[in-house]
Amino acid sequence: YGYFTLAVLVASVVGVVSGPIVSAIQPRMAKLEAEGDHV
């Protein structure tokens, strides 16, 4: 199970890259929607 965890940990890097983008854009997208700036 430790070896399996190792493989999944390395593969998770691919998904992790979206985290910083999401943290930045989610509040900004919510704010843009609240302001009516759909474009």
PDB file of all heavy atoms in Angstrom:
ATOM      1  N   TYR A   1       0.837  -1.198   0.000  1.00  0.00           N
ATOM      2  CA  TYR A   1       0.000   0.000   0.000  1.00  0.00           C
ATOM      3  C   TYR A   1       0.879   1.258   0.000  1.00  0.00           C
ATOM      4  O   TYR A   1       0.522   2.278  -0.591  1.00  0.00           O
ATOM      5  CB  TYR A   1      -0.918   0.003   1.211  1.00  0.00           C
ATOM      6  CG  TYR A   1      -1.903   1.144   1.235  1.00  0.00           C
ATOM      7  CD1 TYR A   1      -2.962   1.201   0.341  1.00  0.00           C
ATOM      8  CD2 TYR A   1      -1.760   2.192   2.150  1.00  0.00           C
ATOM      9  CE1 TYR A   1      -3.852   2.252   0.347  1.00  0.00           C
ATOM     10  CE2 TYR A   1      -2.649   3.244   2.172  1.00  0.00           C
ATOM     11  CZ  TYR A   1      -3.689   3.274   1.270  1.00  0.00           C
ATOM     12  OH  TYR A   1      -4.576   4.326   1.288  1.00  0.00           O
ATOM     13  N   GLY A   2       2.019   1.183   0.665  1.00  0.00           N
ATOM     14  CA  GLY A   2       2.961   2.300   0.637  1.00  0.00           C
ATOM     15  C   GLY A   2       3.458   2.580  -0.762  1.00  0.00           C
ATOM     16  O   GLY A   2       3.567   3.732  -1.182  1.00  0.00           O
ATOM     17  N   TYR A   3       3.760   1.521  -1.546  1.00  0.00           N
ATOM     18  CA  TYR A   3       4.209   1.708  -2.929  1.00  0.00           C
ATOM     19  C   TYR A   3       3.098   2.283  -3.801  1.00  0.00           C
ATOM     20  O   TYR A   3       3.336   3.138  -4.665  1.00  0.00           O
ATOM     21  CB  TYR A   3       4.702   0.386  -3.513  1.00  0.00           C
ATOM     22  CG  TYR A   3       6.001  -0.101  -2.917  1.00  0.00           C
ATOM     23  CD1 TYR A   3       6.146  -1.417  -2.479  1.00  0.00           C
ATOM     24  CD2 TYR A   3       7.086   0.758  -2.796  1.00  0.00           C
ATOM     25  CE1 TYR A   3       7.345  -1.865  -1.927  1.00  0.00           C
ATOM     26  CE2 TYR A   3       8.284   0.321  -2.245  1.00  0.00           C
ATOM     27  CZ  TYR A   3       8.410  -0.984  -1.815  1.00  0.00           C
ATOM     28  OH  TYR A   3       9.593  -1.421  -1.274  1.00  0.00           O
ATOM     29  N   PHE A   4       1.873   1.799  -3.602  1.00  0.00           N
ATOM     30  CA  PHE A   4       0.742   2.348  -4.348  1.00  0.00           C
ATOM     31  C   PHE A   4       0.564   3.830  -4.027  1.00  0.00           C
ATOM     32  O   PHE A   4       0.329   4.658  -4.922  1.00  0.00           O
ATOM     33  CB  PHE A   4      -0.532   1.571  -4.003  1.00  0.00           C
ATOM     34  CG  PHE A   4      -1.791   2.188  -4.539  1.00  0.00           C
ATOM     35  CD1 PHE A   4      -2.152   2.032  -5.865  1.00  0.00           C
ATOM     36  CD2 PHE A   4      -2.621   2.949  -3.715  1.00  0.00           C
ATOM     37  CE1 PHE A   4      -3.312   2.608  -6.363  1.00  0.00           C
ATOM     38  CE2 PHE A   4      -3.775   3.523  -4.202  1.00  0.00           C
ATOM     39  CZ  PHE A   4      -4.123   3.349  -5.537  1.00  0.00           C
ATOM     40  N   THR A   5       0.673   4.153  -2.744  1.00  0.00           N
ATOM     41  CA  THR A   5       0.568   5.552  -2.325  1.00  0.00           C
ATOM     42  C   THR A   5       1.622   6.401  -3.011  1.00  0.00           C
ATOM     43  O   THR A   5       1.370   7.555  -3.399  1.00  0.00           O
ATOM     44  CB  THR A   5       0.734   5.654  -0.791  1.00  0.00           C
ATOM     45  OG1 THR A   5      -0.290   4.885  -0.152  1.00  0.00           O
ATOM     46  CG2 THR A   5       0.656   7.094  -0.327  1.00  0.00           C
ATOM     47  N   LEU A   6       2.810   5.836  -3.173  1.00  0.00           N
ATOM     48  CA  LEU A   6       3.898   6.543  -3.838  1.00  0.00           C
ATOM     49  C   LEU A   6       3.523   6.913  -5.274  1.00  0.00           C
ATOM     50  O   LEU A   6       3.711   8.056  -5.716  1.00  0.00           O
ATOM     51  CB  LEU A   6       5.146   5.661  -3.831  1.00  0.00           C
ATOM     52  CG  LEU A   6       6.464   6.266  -4.289  1.00  0.00           C
ATOM     53  CD1 LEU A   6       6.930   7.325  -3.324  1.00  0.00           C
ATOM     54  CD2 LEU A   6       7.516   5.174  -4.429  1.00  0.00           C
ATOM     55  N   ALA A   7       2.974   5.953  -6.022  1.00  0.00           N
ATOM     56  CA  ALA A   7       2.592   6.208  -7.415  1.00  0.00           C
ATOM     57  C   ALA A   7       1.487   7.260  -7.502  1.00  0.00           C
ATOM     58  O   ALA A   7       1.547   8.172  -8.329  1.00  0.00           O
ATOM     59  CB  ALA A   7       2.127   4.910  -8.071  1.00  0.00           C
ATOM     60  N   VAL A   8       0.485   7.138  -6.646  1.00  0.00           N
ATOM     61  CA  VAL A   8      -0.625   8.086  -6.663  1.00  0.00           C
ATOM     62  C   VAL A   8      -0.161   9.477  -6.255  1.00  0.00           C
ATOM     63  O   VAL A   8      -0.637  10.489  -6.783  1.00  0.00           O
ATOM     64  CB  VAL A   8      -1.755   7.592  -5.739  1.00  0.00           C
ATOM     65  CG1 VAL A   8      -2.861   8.634  -5.623  1.00  0.00           C
ATOM     66  CG2 VAL A   8      -2.327   6.277  -6.266  1.00  0.00           C
ATOM     67  N   LEU A   9       0.801   9.539  -5.325  1.00  0.00           N
ATOM     68  CA  LEU A   9       1.350  10.830  -4.902  1.00  0.00           C
ATOM     69  C   LEU A   9       2.003  11.558  -6.065  1.00  0.00           C
ATOM     70  O   LEU A   9       1.759  12.747  -6.294  1.00  0.00           O
ATOM     71  CB  LEU A   9       2.365  10.619  -3.782  1.00  0.00           C
ATOM     72  CG  LEU A   9       3.152  11.865  -3.352  1.00  0.00           C
ATOM     73  CD1 LEU A   9       2.222  12.893  -2.722  1.00  0.00           C
ATOM     74  CD2 LEU A   9       4.265  11.485  -2.382  1.00  0.00           C
ATOM     75  N   VAL A  10       2.836  10.845  -6.814  1.00  0.00           N
ATOM     76  CA  VAL A  10       3.509  11.480  -7.955  1.00  0.00           C
ATOM     77  C   VAL A  10       2.482  11.886  -9.010  1.00  0.00           C
ATOM     78  O   VAL A  10       2.543  12.987  -9.571  1.00  0.00           O
ATOM     79  CB  VAL A  10       4.561  10.534  -8.561  1.00  0.00           C
ATOM     80  CG1 VAL A  10       5.221  11.184  -9.775  1.00  0.00           C
ATOM     81  CG2 VAL A  10       5.616  10.176  -7.523  1.00  0.00           C
ATOM     82  N   ALA A  11       1.515  11.008  -9.280  1.00  0.00           N
ATOM     83  CA  ALA A  11       0.485  11.325 -10.274  1.00  0.00           C
ATOM     84  C   ALA A  11      -0.372  12.510  -9.849  1.00  0.00           C
ATOM     85  O   ALA A  11      -0.889  13.243 -10.699  1.00  0.00           O
ATOM     86  CB  ALA A  11      -0.404  10.102 -10.512  1.00  0.00           C
ATOM     87  N   SER A  12      -0.513  12.711  -8.540  1.00  0.00           N
ATOM     88  CA  SER A  12      -1.346  13.813  -8.058  1.00  0.00           C
ATOM     89  C   SER A  12      -0.782  15.172  -8.430  1.00  0.00           C
ATOM     90  O   SER A  12      -1.504  16.173  -8.418  1.00  0.00           O
ATOM     91  CB  SER A  12      -1.516  13.731  -6.538  1.00  0.00           C
ATOM     92  OG  SER A  12      -0.293  14.029  -5.869  1.00  0.00           O
ATOM     93  N   VAL A  13       0.506  15.227  -8.766  1.00  0.00           N
ATOM     94  CA  VAL A  13       1.111  16.491  -9.189  1.00  0.00           C
ATOM     95  C   VAL A  13       0.360  17.051 -10.390  1.00  0.00           C
ATOM     96  O   VAL A  13       0.186  18.271 -10.521  1.00  0.00           O
ATOM     97  CB  VAL A  13       2.601  16.279  -9.540  1.00  0.00           C
ATOM     98  CG1 VAL A  13       3.211  17.557 -10.111  1.00  0.00           C
ATOM     99  CG2 VAL A  13       3.369  15.834  -8.313  1.00  0.00           C
ATOM    100  N   VAL A  14      -0.118  16.168 -11.272  1.00  0.00           N
ATOM    101  CA  VAL A  14      -0.846  16.608 -12.462  1.00  0.00           C
ATOM    102  C   VAL A  14      -2.124  17.344 -12.064  1.00  0.00           C
ATOM    103  O   VAL A  14      -2.484  18.362 -12.683  1.00  0.00           O
ATOM    104  CB  VAL A  14      -1.182  15.409 -13.365  1.00  0.00           C
ATOM    105  CG1 VAL A  14      -1.972  15.857 -14.590  1.00  0.00           C
ATOM    106  CG2 VAL A  14       0.092  14.686 -13.787  1.00  0.00           C
ATOM    107  N   GLY A  15      -2.812  16.853 -11.051  1.00  0.00           N
ATOM    108  CA  GLY A  15      -4.024  17.513 -10.601  1.00  0.00           C
ATOM    109  C   GLY A  15      -3.755  18.722  -9.730  1.00  0.00           C
ATOM    110  O   GLY A  15      -4.524  19.691  -9.727  1.00  0.00           O
ATOM    111  N   VAL A  16      -2.636  18.692  -9.001  1.00  0.00           N
ATOM    112  CA  VAL A  16      -2.303  19.775  -8.088  1.00  0.00           C
ATOM    113  C   VAL A  16      -2.097  21.096  -8.816  1.00  0.00           C
ATOM    114  O   VAL A  16      -2.369  22.166  -8.269  1.00  0.00           O
ATOM    115  CB  VAL A  16      -1.051  19.399  -7.267  1.00  0.00           C
ATOM    116  CG1 VAL A  16      -0.402  20.618  -6.629  1.00  0.00           C
ATOM    117  CG2 VAL A  16      -1.420  18.385  -6.189  1.00  0.00           C
ATOM    118  N   VAL A  17      -1.637  21.023 -10.074  1.00  0.00           N
ATOM    119  CA  VAL A  17      -1.312  22.261 -10.796  1.00  0.00           C
ATOM    120  C   VAL A  17      -2.513  23.178 -10.957  1.00  0.00           C
ATOM    121  O   VAL A  17      -2.351  24.388 -11.129  1.00  0.00           O
ATOM    122  CB  VAL A  17      -0.711  21.959 -12.188  1.00  0.00           C
ATOM    123  CG1 VAL A  17       0.592  21.208 -12.066  1.00  0.00           C
ATOM    124  CG2 VAL A  17      -1.687  21.185 -13.058  1.00  0.00           C
ATOM    125  N   SER A  18      -3.717  22.606 -10.911  1.00  0.00           N
ATOM    126  CA  SER A  18      -4.899  23.455 -11.052  1.00  0.00           C
ATOM    127  C   SER A  18      -5.246  24.182  -9.763  1.00  0.00           C
ATOM    128  O   SER A  18      -5.973  25.180  -9.779  1.00  0.00           O
ATOM    129  CB  SER A  18      -6.100  22.618 -11.510  1.00  0.00           C
ATOM    130  OG  SER A  18      -6.472  21.689 -10.499  1.00  0.00           O
ATOM    131  N   GLY A  19      -4.722  23.701  -8.628  1.00  0.00           N
ATOM    132  CA  GLY A  19      -5.067  24.292  -7.342  1.00  0.00           C
ATOM    133  C   GLY A  19      -4.795  25.777  -7.223  1.00  0.00           C
ATOM    134  O   GLY A  19      -5.684  26.552  -6.828  1.00  0.00           O
ATOM    135  N   PRO A  20      -3.574  26.246  -7.548  1.00  0.00           N
ATOM    136  CA  PRO A  20      -3.307  27.679  -7.456  1.00  0.00           C
ATOM    137  C   PRO A  20      -4.189  28.519  -8.370  1.00  0.00           C
ATOM    138  O   PRO A  20      -4.617  29.616  -8.007  1.00  0.00           O
ATOM    139  CB  PRO A  20      -1.827  27.780  -7.874  1.00  0.00           C
ATOM    140  CG  PRO A  20      -1.259  26.438  -7.580  1.00  0.00           C
ATOM    141  CD  PRO A  20      -2.363  25.475  -7.866  1.00  0.00           C
ATOM    142  N   ILE A  21      -4.448  28.009  -9.587  1.00  0.00           N
ATOM    143  CA  ILE A  21      -5.322  28.731 -10.511  1.00  0.00           C
ATOM    144  C   ILE A  21      -6.722  28.834  -9.925  1.00  0.00           C
ATOM    145  O   ILE A  21      -7.355  29.901  -9.909  1.00  0.00           O
ATOM    146  CB  ILE A  21      -5.378  28.020 -11.870  1.00  0.00           C
ATOM    147  CG1 ILE A  21      -4.038  28.148 -12.590  1.00  0.00           C
ATOM    148  CG2 ILE A  21      -6.487  28.588 -12.740  1.00  0.00           C
ATOM    149  CD1 ILE A  21      -3.771  29.512 -13.148  1.00  0.00           C
ATOM    150  N   VAL A  22      -7.227  27.711  -9.423  1.00  0.00           N
ATOM    151  CA  VAL A  22      -8.592  27.676  -8.883  1.00  0.00           C
ATOM    152  C   VAL A  22      -8.720  28.616  -7.691  1.00  0.00           C
ATOM    153  O   VAL A  22      -9.691  29.372  -7.571  1.00  0.00           O
ATOM    154  CB  VAL A  22      -8.978  26.239  -8.489  1.00  0.00           C
ATOM    155  CG1 VAL A  22     -10.327  26.221  -7.792  1.00  0.00           C
ATOM    156  CG2 VAL A  22      -9.013  25.353  -9.722  1.00  0.00           C
ATOM    157  N   SER A  23      -7.737  28.585  -6.780  1.00  0.00           N
ATOM    158  CA  SER A  23      -7.781  29.457  -5.600  1.00  0.00           C
ATOM    159  C   SER A  23      -7.851  30.919  -5.990  1.00  0.00           C
ATOM    160  O   SER A  23      -8.489  31.730  -5.310  1.00  0.00           O
ATOM    161  CB  SER A  23      -6.551  29.211  -4.720  1.00  0.00           C
ATOM    162  OG  SER A  23      -6.548  27.894  -4.218  1.00  0.00           O
ATOM    163  N   ALA A  24      -7.193  31.268  -7.107  1.00  0.00           N
ATOM    164  CA  ALA A  24      -7.176  32.663  -7.545  1.00  0.00           C
ATOM    165  C   ALA A  24      -8.426  33.045  -8.327  1.00  0.00           C
ATOM    166  O   ALA A  24      -8.958  34.146  -8.156  1.00  0.00           O
ATOM    167  CB  ALA A  24      -5.924  32.923  -8.390  1.00  0.00           C
ATOM    168  N   ILE A  25      -8.911  32.139  -9.191  1.00  0.00           N
ATOM    169  CA  ILE A  25      -9.992  32.532 -10.092  1.00  0.00           C
ATOM    170  C   ILE A  25     -11.383  32.352  -9.487  1.00  0.00           C
ATOM    171  O   ILE A  25     -12.313  33.057  -9.897  1.00  0.00           O
ATOM    172  CB  ILE A  25      -9.915  31.778 -11.430  1.00  0.00           C
ATOM    173  CG1 ILE A  25     -10.242  30.295 -11.260  1.00  0.00           C
ATOM    174  CG2 ILE A  25      -8.589  31.990 -12.107  1.00  0.00           C
ATOM    175  CD1 ILE A  25     -10.496  29.561 -12.556  1.00  0.00           C
ATOM    176  N   GLN A  26     -11.565  31.427  -8.544  1.00  0.00           N
ATOM    177  CA  GLN A  26     -12.915  31.215  -8.022  1.00  0.00           C
ATOM    178  C   GLN A  26     -13.499  32.459  -7.369  1.00  0.00           C
ATOM    179  O   GLN A  26     -14.614  32.867  -7.710  1.00  0.00           O
ATOM    180  CB  GLN A  26     -12.944  30.022  -7.070  1.00  0.00           C
ATOM    181  CG  GLN A  26     -13.175  28.699  -7.781  1.00  0.00           C
ATOM    182  CD  GLN A  26     -13.602  27.596  -6.827  1.00  0.00           C
ATOM    183  OE1 GLN A  26     -12.841  27.190  -5.953  1.00  0.00           O
ATOM    184  NE2 GLN A  26     -14.807  27.104  -6.990  1.00  0.00           N
ATOM    185  N   PRO A  27     -12.787  33.093  -6.436  1.00  0.00           N
ATOM    186  CA  PRO A  27     -13.359  34.335  -5.883  1.00  0.00           C
ATOM    187  C   PRO A  27     -13.480  35.438  -6.926  1.00  0.00           C
ATOM    188  O   PRO A  27     -14.431  36.216  -6.899  1.00  0.00           O
ATOM    189  CB  PRO A  27     -12.387  34.710  -4.760  1.00  0.00           C
ATOM    190  CG  PRO A  27     -11.128  33.982  -5.068  1.00  0.00           C
ATOM    191  CD  PRO A  27     -11.542  32.727  -5.752  1.00  0.00           C
ATOM    192  N   ARG A  28     -12.529  35.492  -7.883  1.00  0.00           N
ATOM    193  CA  ARG A  28     -12.587  36.533  -8.913  1.00  0.00           C
ATOM    194  C   ARG A  28     -13.765  36.290  -9.859  1.00  0.00           C
ATOM    195  O   ARG A  28     -14.467  37.233 -10.247  1.00  0.00           O
ATOM    196  CB  ARG A  28     -11.262  36.577  -9.689  1.00  0.00           C
ATOM    197  CG  ARG A  28     -11.186  37.655 -10.753  1.00  0.00           C
ATOM    198  CD  ARG A  28     -11.353  39.057 -10.160  1.00  0.00           C
ATOM    199  NE  ARG A  28     -10.386  39.328  -9.138  1.00  0.00           N
ATOM    200  CZ  ARG A  28      -9.168  39.814  -9.364  1.00  0.00           C
ATOM    201  NH1 ARG A  28      -8.781  40.068 -10.599  1.00  0.00           N
ATOM    202  NH2 ARG A  28      -8.348  40.061  -8.363  1.00  0.00           N
ATOM    203  N   MET A  29     -14.009  35.041 -10.228  1.00  0.00           N
ATOM    204  CA  MET A  29     -15.142  34.731 -11.093  1.00  0.00           C
ATOM    205  C   MET A  29     -16.464  35.030 -10.385  1.00  0.00           C
ATOM    206  O   MET A  29     -17.406  35.554 -10.993  1.00  0.00           O
ATOM    207  CB  MET A  29     -15.087  33.262 -11.525  1.00  0.00           C
ATOM    208  CG  MET A  29     -13.990  32.957 -12.550  1.00  0.00           C
ATOM    209  SD  MET A  29     -13.845  31.192 -12.959  1.00  0.00           S
ATOM    210  CE  MET A  29     -15.402  30.912 -13.818  1.00  0.00           C
ATOM    211  N   ALA A  30     -16.542  34.702  -9.089  1.00  0.00           N
ATOM    212  CA  ALA A  30     -17.754  35.013  -8.330  1.00  0.00           C
ATOM    213  C   ALA A  30     -17.983  36.515  -8.262  1.00  0.00           C
ATOM    214  O   ALA A  30     -19.116  37.003  -8.361  1.00  0.00           O
ATOM    215  CB  ALA A  30     -17.661  34.420  -6.924  1.00  0.00           C
ATOM    216  N   LYS A  31     -16.894  37.268  -8.116  1.00  0.00           N
ATOM    217  CA  LYS A  31     -16.989  38.728  -8.060  1.00  0.00           C
ATOM    218  C   LYS A  31     -17.426  39.301  -9.413  1.00  0.00           C
ATOM    219  O   LYS A  31     -18.265  40.212  -9.479  1.00  0.00           O
ATOM    220  CB  LYS A  31     -15.637  39.301  -7.645  1.00  0.00           C
ATOM    221  CG  LYS A  31     -15.614  40.817  -7.397  1.00  0.00           C
ATOM    222  CD  LYS A  31     -14.296  41.203  -6.754  1.00  0.00           C
ATOM    223  CE  LYS A  31     -14.259  42.700  -6.462  1.00  0.00           C
ATOM    224  NZ  LYS A  31     -14.124  43.490  -7.680  1.00  0.00           N
ATOM    225  N   LEU A  32     -16.858  38.783 -10.509  1.00  0.00           N
ATOM    226  CA  LEU A  32     -17.239  39.241 -11.846  1.00  0.00           C
ATOM    227  C   LEU A  32     -18.713  38.958 -12.128  1.00  0.00           C
ATOM    228  O   LEU A  32     -19.423  39.779 -12.721  1.00  0.00           O
ATOM    229  CB  LEU A  32     -16.361  38.570 -12.902  1.00  0.00           C
ATOM    230  CG  LEU A  32     -14.891  39.003 -12.943  1.00  0.00           C
ATOM    231  CD1 LEU A  32     -14.103  38.118 -13.891  1.00  0.00           C
ATOM    232  CD2 LEU A  32     -14.767  40.464 -13.357  1.00  0.00           C
ATOM    233  N   GLU A  33     -19.191  37.791 -11.699  1.00  0.00           N
ATOM    234  CA  GLU A  33     -20.599  37.450 -11.885  1.00  0.00           C
ATOM    235  C   GLU A  33     -21.493  38.384 -11.071  1.00  0.00           C
ATOM    236  O   GLU A  33     -22.533  38.845 -11.566  1.00  0.00           O
ATOM    237  CB  GLU A  33     -20.832  35.993 -11.461  1.00  0.00           C
ATOM    238  CG  GLU A  33     -22.288  35.546 -11.497  1.00  0.00           C
ATOM    239  CD  GLU A  33     -22.870  35.501 -12.897  1.00  0.00           C
ATOM    240  OE1 GLU A  33     -22.093  35.474 -13.877  1.00  0.00           O
ATOM    241  OE2 GLU A  33     -24.114  35.492 -13.015  1.00  0.00           O
ATOM    242  N   ALA A  34     -21.060  38.691  -9.843  1.00  0.00           N
ATOM    243  CA  ALA A  34     -21.842  39.603  -8.997  1.00  0.00           C
ATOM    244  C   ALA A  34     -21.903  40.999  -9.598  1.00  0.00           C
ATOM    245  O   ALA A  34     -22.901  41.713  -9.455  1.00  0.00           O
ATOM    246  CB  ALA A  34     -21.236  39.659  -7.592  1.00  0.00           C
ATOM    247  N   GLU A  35     -20.842  41.406 -10.312  1.00  0.00           N
ATOM    248  CA  GLU A  35     -20.793  42.728 -10.940  1.00  0.00           C
ATOM    249  C   GLU A  35     -21.445  42.749 -12.313  1.00  0.00           C
ATOM    250  O   GLU A  35     -21.568  43.812 -12.927  1.00  0.00           O
ATOM    251  CB  GLU A  35     -19.337  43.180 -11.065  1.00  0.00           C
ATOM    252  CG  GLU A  35     -18.648  43.411  -9.726  1.00  0.00           C
ATOM    253  CD  GLU A  35     -17.146  43.638  -9.857  1.00  0.00           C
ATOM    254  OE1 GLU A  35     -16.614  43.363 -10.940  1.00  0.00           O
ATOM    255  OE2 GLU A  35     -16.538  44.098  -8.876  1.00  0.00           O
ATOM    256  N   GLY A  36     -21.850  41.571 -12.823  1.00  0.00           N
ATOM    257  CA  GLY A  36     -22.505  41.499 -14.119  1.00  0.00           C
ATOM    258  C   GLY A  36     -21.548  41.536 -15.298  1.00  0.00           C
ATOM    259  O   GLY A  36     -21.977  41.740 -16.443  1.00  0.00           O
ATOM    260  N   ASP A  37     -20.255  41.323 -15.054  1.00  0.00           N
ATOM    261  CA  ASP A  37     -19.258  41.350 -16.122  1.00  0.00           C
ATOM    262  C   ASP A  37     -19.123  39.942 -16.717  1.00  0.00           C
ATOM    263  O   ASP A  37     -18.162  39.213 -16.447  1.00  0.00           O
ATOM    264  CB  ASP A  37     -17.914  41.834 -15.576  1.00  0.00           C
ATOM    265  CG  ASP A  37     -16.866  42.030 -16.671  1.00  0.00           C
ATOM    266  OD1 ASP A  37     -17.195  41.787 -17.850  1.00  0.00           O
ATOM    267  OD2 ASP A  37     -15.724  42.411 -16.350  1.00  0.00           O
ATOM    268  N   HIS A  38     -20.067  39.540 -17.557  1.00  0.00           N
ATOM    269  CA  HIS A  38     -20.090  38.181 -18.099  1.00  0.00           C
ATOM    270  C   HIS A  38     -18.998  37.958 -19.144  1.00  0.00           C
ATOM    271  O   HIS A  38     -18.458  36.851 -19.261  1.00  0.00           O
ATOM    272  CB  HIS A  38     -21.471  37.894 -18.700  1.00  0.00           C
ATOM    273  CG  HIS A  38     -22.589  38.081 -17.724  1.00  0.00           C
ATOM    274  ND1 HIS A  38     -22.734  37.296 -16.601  1.00  0.00           N
ATOM    275  CD2 HIS A  38     -23.610  38.982 -17.685  1.00  0.00           C
ATOM    276  CE1 HIS A  38     -23.807  37.691 -15.924  1.00  0.00           C
ATOM    277  NE2 HIS A  38     -24.351  38.718 -16.553  1.00  0.00           N
ATOM    278  N   VAL A  39     -18.658  39.003 -19.893  1.00  0.00           N
ATOM    279  CA  VAL A  39     -17.573  38.886 -20.877  1.00  0.00           C
ATOM    280  C   VAL A  39     -16.246  38.625 -20.165  1.00  0.00           C
ATOM    281  O   VAL A  39     -15.467  37.749 -20.561  1.00  0.00           O
ATOM    282  CB  VAL A  39     -17.486  40.148 -21.740  1.00  0.00           C
ATOM    283  CG1 VAL A  39     -16.264  40.092 -22.659  1.00  0.00           C
ATOM    284  CG2 VAL A  39     -18.760  40.317 -22.574  1.00  0.00           C
TER     285      VAL A  39
END
